[in-house]
Amino acid sequence: MGDHDEGMRIRIEVLGSEHVDHVHMTGAIETHDAIVWGPPGPDRAERMRRGEPLLRKSITSELGNISPVIMMPGSYTEQELADVAENIAGMLVNNASFNCNAAKLLVLPRHQAAALCARLERLFTDYPPRPAYYPGAVARFRELVAHPGDGRVWSAPAGEGQLPWTLLRGLSTESAAESFQLEPFCPLLSVVEIDEADPEAFLAQATTFLNEKVWGTLNAMLFVPRSAEGDPMLQAAVDRALDQLRYGTVAVNYWPAIGYGTGTPPWGGHPSSTLQDAQSGIGFVHNSLMLEQVQKVVLRGPLRSFPKQFYYPSHRHTDAVARDLFAFESTGSLLPFVRLGAYGARG
């Protein structure tokens, strides 16, 4: 038995102690399944088939996600397209993309994909790459770019010890890209194009694709242009997508991580997950209002907002915003909160 297997065996024995009533974990689906069902192999497969977990305690979890971002077809102004691109870029570059809620998959209308990707390529070319500090990130990146399905790889410049901001372009909902099933915990963003200009039909196809072919149930995002606001048919199509998407958090025009960061809404995978197929996890964390029987959290906001979102790459005072957020949360003083408004206005 290797060191890793021995360490896992010891951890499972500790969790099985009479002093442990319940287990909560965050991490990868592989760790969850090793704890619940034991190491990979025929014994685990048989336990899963019989529904007899090795861990005889209740467990909740927050795991990974191939976080999708849907761009609804429509009439976007140039400034709205700029905001969409910055929003996506900010979700990818934050923490060098080592976040479970980082954007990992774009679902775009084909007739608008080239213009948006061109904006993203300019942003990623201008934005400095980060060190690939997370264990296993380099190997995961190389594996995914080596098996792009029918896509093509575009990467920004990067130096020694860094991973480049990367787009895997030209995919469709029928592609066999490994990045649909293996979480890219690295700065890689797959781009799926749907050849449909009608918003209602597009959203229906995108929802089916994400629910049936993409791994993960933690969070998803939907961009809706201002031109669609007030149109009853388009709003009904958006509401239908929000209702049908099997994700624990679905956000309109905002990075779903805002729901995580506030700490009040529940945060976790969609409740359809099971022990045998945990996807992004079972149960919710945060939930300071202690809501019960939660199905999902929906965040809504306008596509363009003031002040500028703090995670946009072009924000000029990100460090100051982070420090004042910490000061406000840790002290409760209103002064850092007031400064936040000033930094936001000058972002």
Protein backbone atom coordinates (compact mmCIF):
# COMPACT_ATOMS: atom_id res chain seq x y z
CA MET A 1 0.00 0.00 0.00
CA GLY A 2 1.38 3.42 -0.99
CA ASP A 3 1.72 6.41 1.33
CA HIS A 4 -1.38 8.05 -0.18
CA ASP A 5 -3.52 4.93 0.30
CA GLU A 6 -2.24 4.48 3.85
CA GLY A 7 -3.02 8.11 4.66
CA MET A 8 -6.53 7.75 3.24
CA ARG A 9 -7.10 4.57 5.28
CA ILE A 10 -6.10 6.36 8.47
CA ARG A 11 -8.39 9.31 7.69
CA ILE A 12 -11.33 6.97 7.05
CA GLU A 13 -10.66 5.20 10.37
CA VAL A 14 -10.65 8.55 12.18
CA LEU A 15 -13.94 9.57 10.54
CA GLY A 16 -15.42 6.27 11.63
CA SER A 17 -14.71 7.04 15.28
CA GLU A 18 -17.63 7.05 17.72
CA HIS A 19 -16.69 10.64 18.51
CA VAL A 20 -17.63 11.75 14.96
CA ASP A 21 -21.33 12.25 14.32
CA HIS A 22 -21.25 13.97 10.94
CA VAL A 23 -18.65 14.73 8.26
CA HIS A 24 -18.39 17.86 6.13
CA MET A 25 -15.67 18.29 3.52
CA THR A 26 -14.62 20.51 0.67
CA GLY A 27 -12.28 19.44 -2.08
CA ALA A 28 -12.42 17.15 -5.10
CA ILE A 29 -14.98 14.52 -6.05
CA GLU A 30 -12.17 11.94 -5.96
CA THR A 31 -11.56 12.66 -2.27
CA HIS A 32 -15.27 12.51 -1.49
CA ASP A 33 -15.69 9.13 -3.17
CA ALA A 34 -12.57 7.72 -1.50
CA ILE A 35 -13.91 8.72 1.92
CA VAL A 36 -17.46 7.50 1.31
CA TRP A 37 -16.87 4.39 -0.82
CA GLY A 38 -13.18 3.52 -0.31
CA PRO A 39 -10.28 3.43 -2.78
CA PRO A 40 -10.99 2.92 -6.50
CA GLY A 41 -11.41 -0.66 -7.65
CA PRO A 42 -13.93 -3.49 -7.93
CA ASP A 43 -14.73 -3.46 -4.19
CA ARG A 44 -15.78 0.19 -4.34
CA ALA A 45 -17.80 -0.41 -7.50
CA GLU A 46 -19.66 -3.22 -5.79
CA ARG A 47 -20.32 -1.13 -2.66
CA MET A 48 -21.71 1.67 -4.85
CA ARG A 49 -23.89 -0.79 -6.75
CA ARG A 50 -25.33 -2.13 -3.50
CA GLY A 51 -25.63 1.33 -1.95
CA GLU A 52 -23.50 0.35 1.05
CA PRO A 53 -20.99 3.15 1.73
CA LEU A 54 -17.83 2.47 3.68
CA LEU A 55 -18.47 5.63 5.72
CA ARG A 56 -21.43 4.93 7.99
CA LYS A 57 -21.91 8.59 8.97
CA SER A 58 -23.90 11.32 7.28
CA ILE A 59 -21.77 13.55 5.06
CA THR A 60 -22.21 16.92 3.38
CA SER A 61 -19.75 18.37 0.91
CA GLU A 62 -18.80 21.24 -1.38
CA LEU A 63 -16.81 19.90 -4.32
CA GLY A 64 -15.71 21.19 -7.73
CA ASN A 65 -17.60 22.40 -10.77
CA ILE A 66 -17.16 23.06 -14.47
CA SER A 67 -18.76 26.46 -13.98
CA PRO A 68 -20.65 27.49 -17.13
CA VAL A 69 -21.39 31.00 -18.40
CA ILE A 70 -24.22 31.39 -20.91
CA MET A 71 -24.51 34.44 -23.17
CA MET A 72 -28.10 34.84 -24.32
CA PRO A 73 -28.42 35.97 -27.96
CA GLY A 74 -29.56 39.54 -28.32
CA SER A 75 -28.71 43.11 -29.09
CA TYR A 76 -25.71 44.09 -26.94
CA THR A 77 -24.24 47.58 -27.00
CA GLU A 78 -20.48 47.92 -27.38
CA GLN A 79 -20.18 48.85 -23.72
CA GLU A 80 -22.30 45.86 -22.71
CA LEU A 81 -20.03 43.55 -24.74
CA ALA A 82 -17.02 45.14 -23.04
CA ASP A 83 -18.59 44.44 -19.65
CA VAL A 84 -19.39 40.83 -20.61
CA ALA A 85 -15.77 40.27 -21.64
CA GLU A 86 -14.37 41.87 -18.47
CA ASN A 87 -16.78 39.90 -16.32
CA ILE A 88 -15.69 36.60 -17.87
CA ALA A 89 -12.00 37.52 -17.75
CA GLY A 90 -12.31 38.52 -14.10
CA MET A 91 -13.90 35.20 -13.21
CA LEU A 92 -11.01 33.35 -14.86
CA VAL A 93 -8.03 35.37 -13.63
CA ASN A 94 -9.14 35.75 -10.00
CA ASN A 95 -6.80 33.65 -7.84
CA ALA A 96 -5.14 32.40 -11.05
CA SER A 97 -8.42 30.51 -11.74
CA PHE A 98 -7.94 28.18 -8.76
CA ASN A 99 -11.56 28.62 -7.59
CA CYS A 100 -14.40 26.10 -7.71
CA ASN A 101 -16.63 28.91 -9.04
CA ALA A 102 -14.20 30.25 -11.66
CA ALA A 103 -15.66 30.42 -15.18
CA LYS A 104 -14.64 27.24 -17.03
CA LEU A 105 -17.09 26.94 -19.90
CA LEU A 106 -18.67 29.55 -22.19
CA VAL A 107 -21.88 28.78 -24.08
CA LEU A 108 -22.26 31.38 -26.84
CA PRO A 109 -24.53 32.02 -29.84
CA ARG A 110 -22.37 31.25 -32.88
CA HIS A 111 -23.07 34.55 -34.63
CA GLN A 112 -21.76 36.51 -31.61
CA ALA A 113 -18.92 34.20 -30.51
CA ALA A 114 -16.10 35.61 -32.65
CA ALA A 115 -16.56 39.19 -31.45
CA LEU A 116 -16.62 38.22 -27.78
CA CYS A 117 -13.65 35.85 -28.08
CA ALA A 118 -11.63 38.57 -29.80
CA ARG A 119 -12.25 40.84 -26.81
CA LEU A 120 -11.25 38.05 -24.41
CA GLU A 121 -8.05 37.37 -26.31
CA ARG A 122 -7.06 41.04 -26.06
CA LEU A 123 -7.79 41.08 -22.32
CA PHE A 124 -5.86 37.88 -21.67
CA THR A 125 -2.91 39.06 -23.77
CA ASP A 126 -2.68 42.27 -21.74
CA TYR A 127 -3.24 40.69 -18.32
CA PRO A 128 -0.10 39.24 -16.65
CA PRO A 129 -0.10 35.45 -16.16
CA ARG A 130 0.13 34.02 -12.66
CA PRO A 131 2.30 31.32 -11.11
CA ALA A 132 0.78 27.86 -11.41
CA TYR A 133 0.99 27.31 -7.64
CA TYR A 134 -1.81 24.78 -7.16
CA PRO A 135 -0.62 21.15 -6.92
CA GLY A 136 -1.42 19.20 -10.07
CA ALA A 137 -2.46 22.26 -12.09
CA VAL A 138 0.25 21.87 -14.74
CA ALA A 139 -0.57 18.20 -15.29
CA ARG A 140 -4.31 18.92 -15.49
CA PHE A 141 -3.73 21.74 -17.98
CA ARG A 142 -1.53 19.59 -20.22
CA GLU A 143 -4.05 16.77 -20.15
CA LEU A 144 -6.92 19.00 -21.21
CA VAL A 145 -5.10 20.82 -24.01
CA ALA A 146 -3.83 17.45 -25.27
CA HIS A 147 -7.44 16.21 -25.63
CA PRO A 148 -9.38 19.24 -26.94
CA GLY A 149 -11.98 17.20 -28.82
CA ASP A 150 -12.67 19.06 -32.06
CA GLY A 151 -11.67 22.41 -30.52
CA ARG A 152 -8.59 24.52 -31.13
CA VAL A 153 -6.37 25.98 -28.44
CA TRP A 154 -5.52 29.69 -28.13
CA SER A 155 -3.16 30.76 -25.35
CA ALA A 156 -1.77 34.09 -24.17
CA PRO A 157 1.99 34.39 -23.50
CA ALA A 158 3.31 32.88 -20.25
CA GLY A 159 6.71 32.38 -18.68
CA GLU A 160 8.49 29.71 -16.68
CA GLY A 161 6.37 28.35 -13.82
CA GLN A 162 3.22 30.00 -15.19
CA LEU A 163 0.18 28.71 -17.02
CA PRO A 164 -1.24 30.83 -19.85
CA TRP A 165 -4.77 32.19 -19.97
CA THR A 166 -6.24 29.77 -22.51
CA LEU A 167 -9.35 29.46 -24.66
CA LEU A 168 -10.42 26.13 -26.14
CA ARG A 169 -12.48 27.44 -29.06
CA GLY A 170 -14.69 25.95 -31.75
CA LEU A 171 -16.53 23.38 -29.62
CA SER A 172 -20.16 22.40 -30.04
CA THR A 173 -22.67 20.69 -27.78
CA GLU A 174 -21.79 17.43 -29.59
CA SER A 175 -18.05 17.72 -28.96
CA ALA A 176 -16.23 15.07 -26.94
CA ALA A 177 -13.95 17.51 -25.14
CA GLU A 178 -12.49 16.16 -21.92
CA SER A 179 -13.05 19.59 -20.36
CA PHE A 180 -16.80 18.86 -20.28
CA GLN A 181 -16.27 16.12 -17.68
CA LEU A 182 -12.93 16.88 -16.03
CA GLU A 183 -12.85 20.12 -14.02
CA PRO A 184 -10.19 22.48 -15.43
CA PHE A 185 -8.71 23.61 -12.11
CA CYS A 186 -6.36 25.78 -14.15
CA PRO A 187 -6.74 28.90 -16.37
CA LEU A 188 -8.52 27.16 -19.26
CA LEU A 189 -11.89 28.27 -20.61
CA SER A 190 -13.77 26.06 -23.10
CA VAL A 191 -15.98 27.85 -25.64
CA VAL A 192 -19.09 26.10 -26.97
CA GLU A 193 -21.00 27.66 -29.86
CA ILE A 194 -24.69 27.02 -30.53
CA ASP A 195 -25.94 27.88 -34.01
CA GLU A 196 -29.18 29.47 -32.84
CA ALA A 197 -30.09 33.17 -32.83
CA ASP A 198 -33.55 32.85 -31.27
CA PRO A 199 -33.12 33.47 -27.52
CA GLU A 200 -35.83 31.04 -26.43
CA ALA A 201 -34.54 28.15 -28.55
CA PHE A 202 -30.93 28.96 -27.63
CA LEU A 203 -31.60 28.90 -23.89
CA ALA A 204 -33.49 25.60 -24.21
CA GLN A 205 -30.53 24.00 -26.03
CA ALA A 206 -27.97 25.46 -23.62
CA THR A 207 -29.93 24.24 -20.57
CA THR A 208 -30.23 20.71 -21.94
CA PHE A 209 -26.53 20.62 -22.81
CA LEU A 210 -25.40 21.75 -19.36
CA ASN A 211 -27.80 19.48 -17.48
CA GLU A 212 -27.03 16.36 -19.51
CA LYS A 213 -23.44 16.62 -20.76
CA VAL A 214 -21.43 18.83 -18.40
CA TRP A 215 -20.18 17.67 -15.00
CA GLY A 216 -20.98 19.69 -11.88
CA THR A 217 -23.98 21.34 -10.21
CA LEU A 218 -22.47 24.13 -8.08
CA ASN A 219 -23.02 27.38 -9.99
CA ALA A 220 -23.89 28.77 -13.40
CA MET A 221 -24.21 32.26 -14.88
CA LEU A 222 -26.39 33.84 -17.56
CA PHE A 223 -25.78 37.14 -19.39
CA VAL A 224 -28.96 38.95 -20.46
CA PRO A 225 -28.75 42.25 -22.42
CA ARG A 226 -30.73 45.29 -21.37
CA SER A 227 -32.61 45.11 -24.67
CA ALA A 228 -34.33 41.95 -23.38
CA GLU A 229 -35.60 43.58 -20.21
CA GLY A 230 -39.33 44.22 -20.25
CA ASP A 231 -40.02 41.76 -23.08
CA PRO A 232 -42.48 39.24 -21.57
CA MET A 233 -41.52 36.37 -23.90
CA LEU A 234 -37.78 36.82 -23.35
CA GLN A 235 -38.20 37.15 -19.61
CA ALA A 236 -40.29 33.98 -19.59
CA ALA A 237 -37.50 32.17 -21.46
CA VAL A 238 -34.93 33.42 -18.93
CA ASP A 239 -37.11 32.38 -16.00
CA ARG A 240 -37.57 28.94 -17.55
CA ALA A 241 -33.80 28.51 -17.88
CA LEU A 242 -33.26 29.66 -14.29
CA ASP A 243 -35.80 27.14 -13.10
CA GLN A 244 -34.49 24.21 -15.17
CA LEU A 245 -30.72 24.60 -14.77
CA ARG A 246 -29.56 22.02 -12.22
CA TYR A 247 -27.19 24.18 -10.22
CA GLY A 248 -27.19 25.27 -6.58
CA THR A 249 -26.65 28.91 -7.56
CA VAL A 250 -27.66 30.52 -10.86
CA ALA A 251 -26.75 34.17 -11.36
CA VAL A 252 -27.95 36.66 -13.97
CA ASN A 253 -25.25 39.15 -15.02
CA TYR A 254 -23.16 38.63 -11.86
CA TRP A 255 -20.40 36.21 -10.97
CA PRO A 256 -22.09 33.56 -8.77
CA ALA A 257 -19.14 33.87 -6.37
CA ILE A 258 -20.82 37.01 -5.04
CA GLY A 259 -23.44 34.71 -3.53
CA TYR A 260 -20.66 32.70 -1.91
CA GLY A 261 -18.84 35.81 -0.69
CA THR A 262 -21.79 37.43 1.06
CA GLY A 263 -22.24 34.37 3.28
CA THR A 264 -26.01 34.82 3.66
CA PRO A 265 -27.43 32.76 0.75
CA PRO A 266 -27.09 28.99 0.86
CA TRP A 267 -24.11 27.72 -1.15
CA GLY A 268 -23.74 24.20 -2.46
CA GLY A 269 -24.50 21.78 -5.27
CA HIS A 270 -27.97 21.14 -6.62
CA PRO A 271 -30.02 18.88 -4.30
CA SER A 272 -30.42 16.27 -7.07
CA SER A 273 -26.93 14.95 -6.21
CA THR A 274 -26.59 11.57 -4.49
CA LEU A 275 -23.84 9.73 -2.62
CA GLN A 276 -23.18 7.60 -5.72
CA ASP A 277 -23.09 10.68 -7.97
CA ALA A 278 -22.20 13.59 -5.70
CA GLN A 279 -21.22 15.95 -8.55
CA SER A 280 -20.50 19.30 -6.81
CA GLY A 281 -21.54 18.11 -3.39
CA ILE A 282 -24.43 17.37 -1.08
CA GLY A 283 -26.05 19.95 1.20
CA PHE A 284 -25.53 23.69 1.63
CA VAL A 285 -23.16 25.81 3.68
CA HIS A 286 -23.53 29.46 4.81
CA ASN A 287 -27.33 29.93 4.82
CA SER A 288 -27.28 32.34 7.75
CA LEU A 289 -31.09 32.62 7.59
CA MET A 290 -31.27 28.84 8.13
CA LEU A 291 -33.66 28.25 5.24
CA GLU A 292 -34.90 24.69 4.78
CA GLN A 293 -35.59 22.57 1.69
CA VAL A 294 -33.51 24.85 -0.51
CA GLN A 295 -33.63 24.04 -4.24
CA LYS A 296 -31.29 26.73 -5.56
CA VAL A 297 -30.25 30.35 -5.12
CA VAL A 298 -30.94 32.85 -7.92
CA LEU A 299 -29.02 36.14 -8.08
CA ARG A 300 -30.19 38.86 -10.46
CA GLY A 301 -28.83 42.23 -11.48
CA PRO A 302 -28.39 44.55 -14.48
CA LEU A 303 -25.71 43.80 -17.05
CA ARG A 304 -24.13 47.20 -16.49
CA SER A 305 -23.78 48.45 -12.95
CA PHE A 306 -22.10 51.23 -11.02
CA PRO A 307 -19.64 51.06 -9.41
CA LYS A 308 -17.52 48.73 -11.54
CA GLN A 309 -17.37 45.16 -10.28
CA PHE A 310 -14.31 44.71 -8.08
CA TYR A 311 -13.17 41.56 -9.89
CA TYR A 312 -12.89 43.19 -13.34
CA PRO A 313 -9.26 43.04 -14.56
CA SER A 314 -9.38 46.78 -15.38
CA HIS A 315 -10.31 47.76 -11.81
CA ARG A 316 -7.58 50.13 -10.62
CA HIS A 317 -7.98 49.68 -6.86
CA THR A 318 -8.46 45.94 -6.34
CA ASP A 319 -5.85 45.70 -3.57
CA ALA A 320 -7.37 48.60 -1.64
CA VAL A 321 -10.87 47.14 -2.02
CA ALA A 322 -9.70 43.77 -0.67
CA ARG A 323 -8.00 45.37 2.34
CA ASP A 324 -11.04 47.48 3.22
CA LEU A 325 -13.40 44.53 2.81
CA PHE A 326 -11.26 42.62 5.28
CA ALA A 327 -11.17 45.59 7.66
CA PHE A 328 -14.95 46.02 7.48
CA GLU A 329 -15.65 42.32 8.07
CA SER A 330 -13.13 41.97 10.88
CA THR A 331 -13.87 45.19 12.80
CA GLY A 332 -17.41 46.23 11.83
CA SER A 333 -16.16 49.80 11.45
CA LEU A 334 -18.02 51.92 8.91
CA LEU A 335 -14.93 53.82 7.77
CA PRO A 336 -13.59 50.98 5.56
CA PHE A 337 -17.09 50.59 4.14
CA VAL A 338 -17.19 54.28 3.17
CA ARG A 339 -13.77 53.96 1.55
CA LEU A 340 -15.07 50.99 -0.45
CA GLY A 341 -17.61 53.27 -2.10
CA ALA A 342 -14.92 55.75 -3.02
CA TYR A 343 -12.64 53.08 -4.48
CA GLY A 344 -15.56 51.62 -6.39
CA ALA A 345 -16.45 54.96 -7.92
CA ARG A 346 -12.85 55.40 -9.07
CA GLY A 347 -12.43 51.80 -10.24
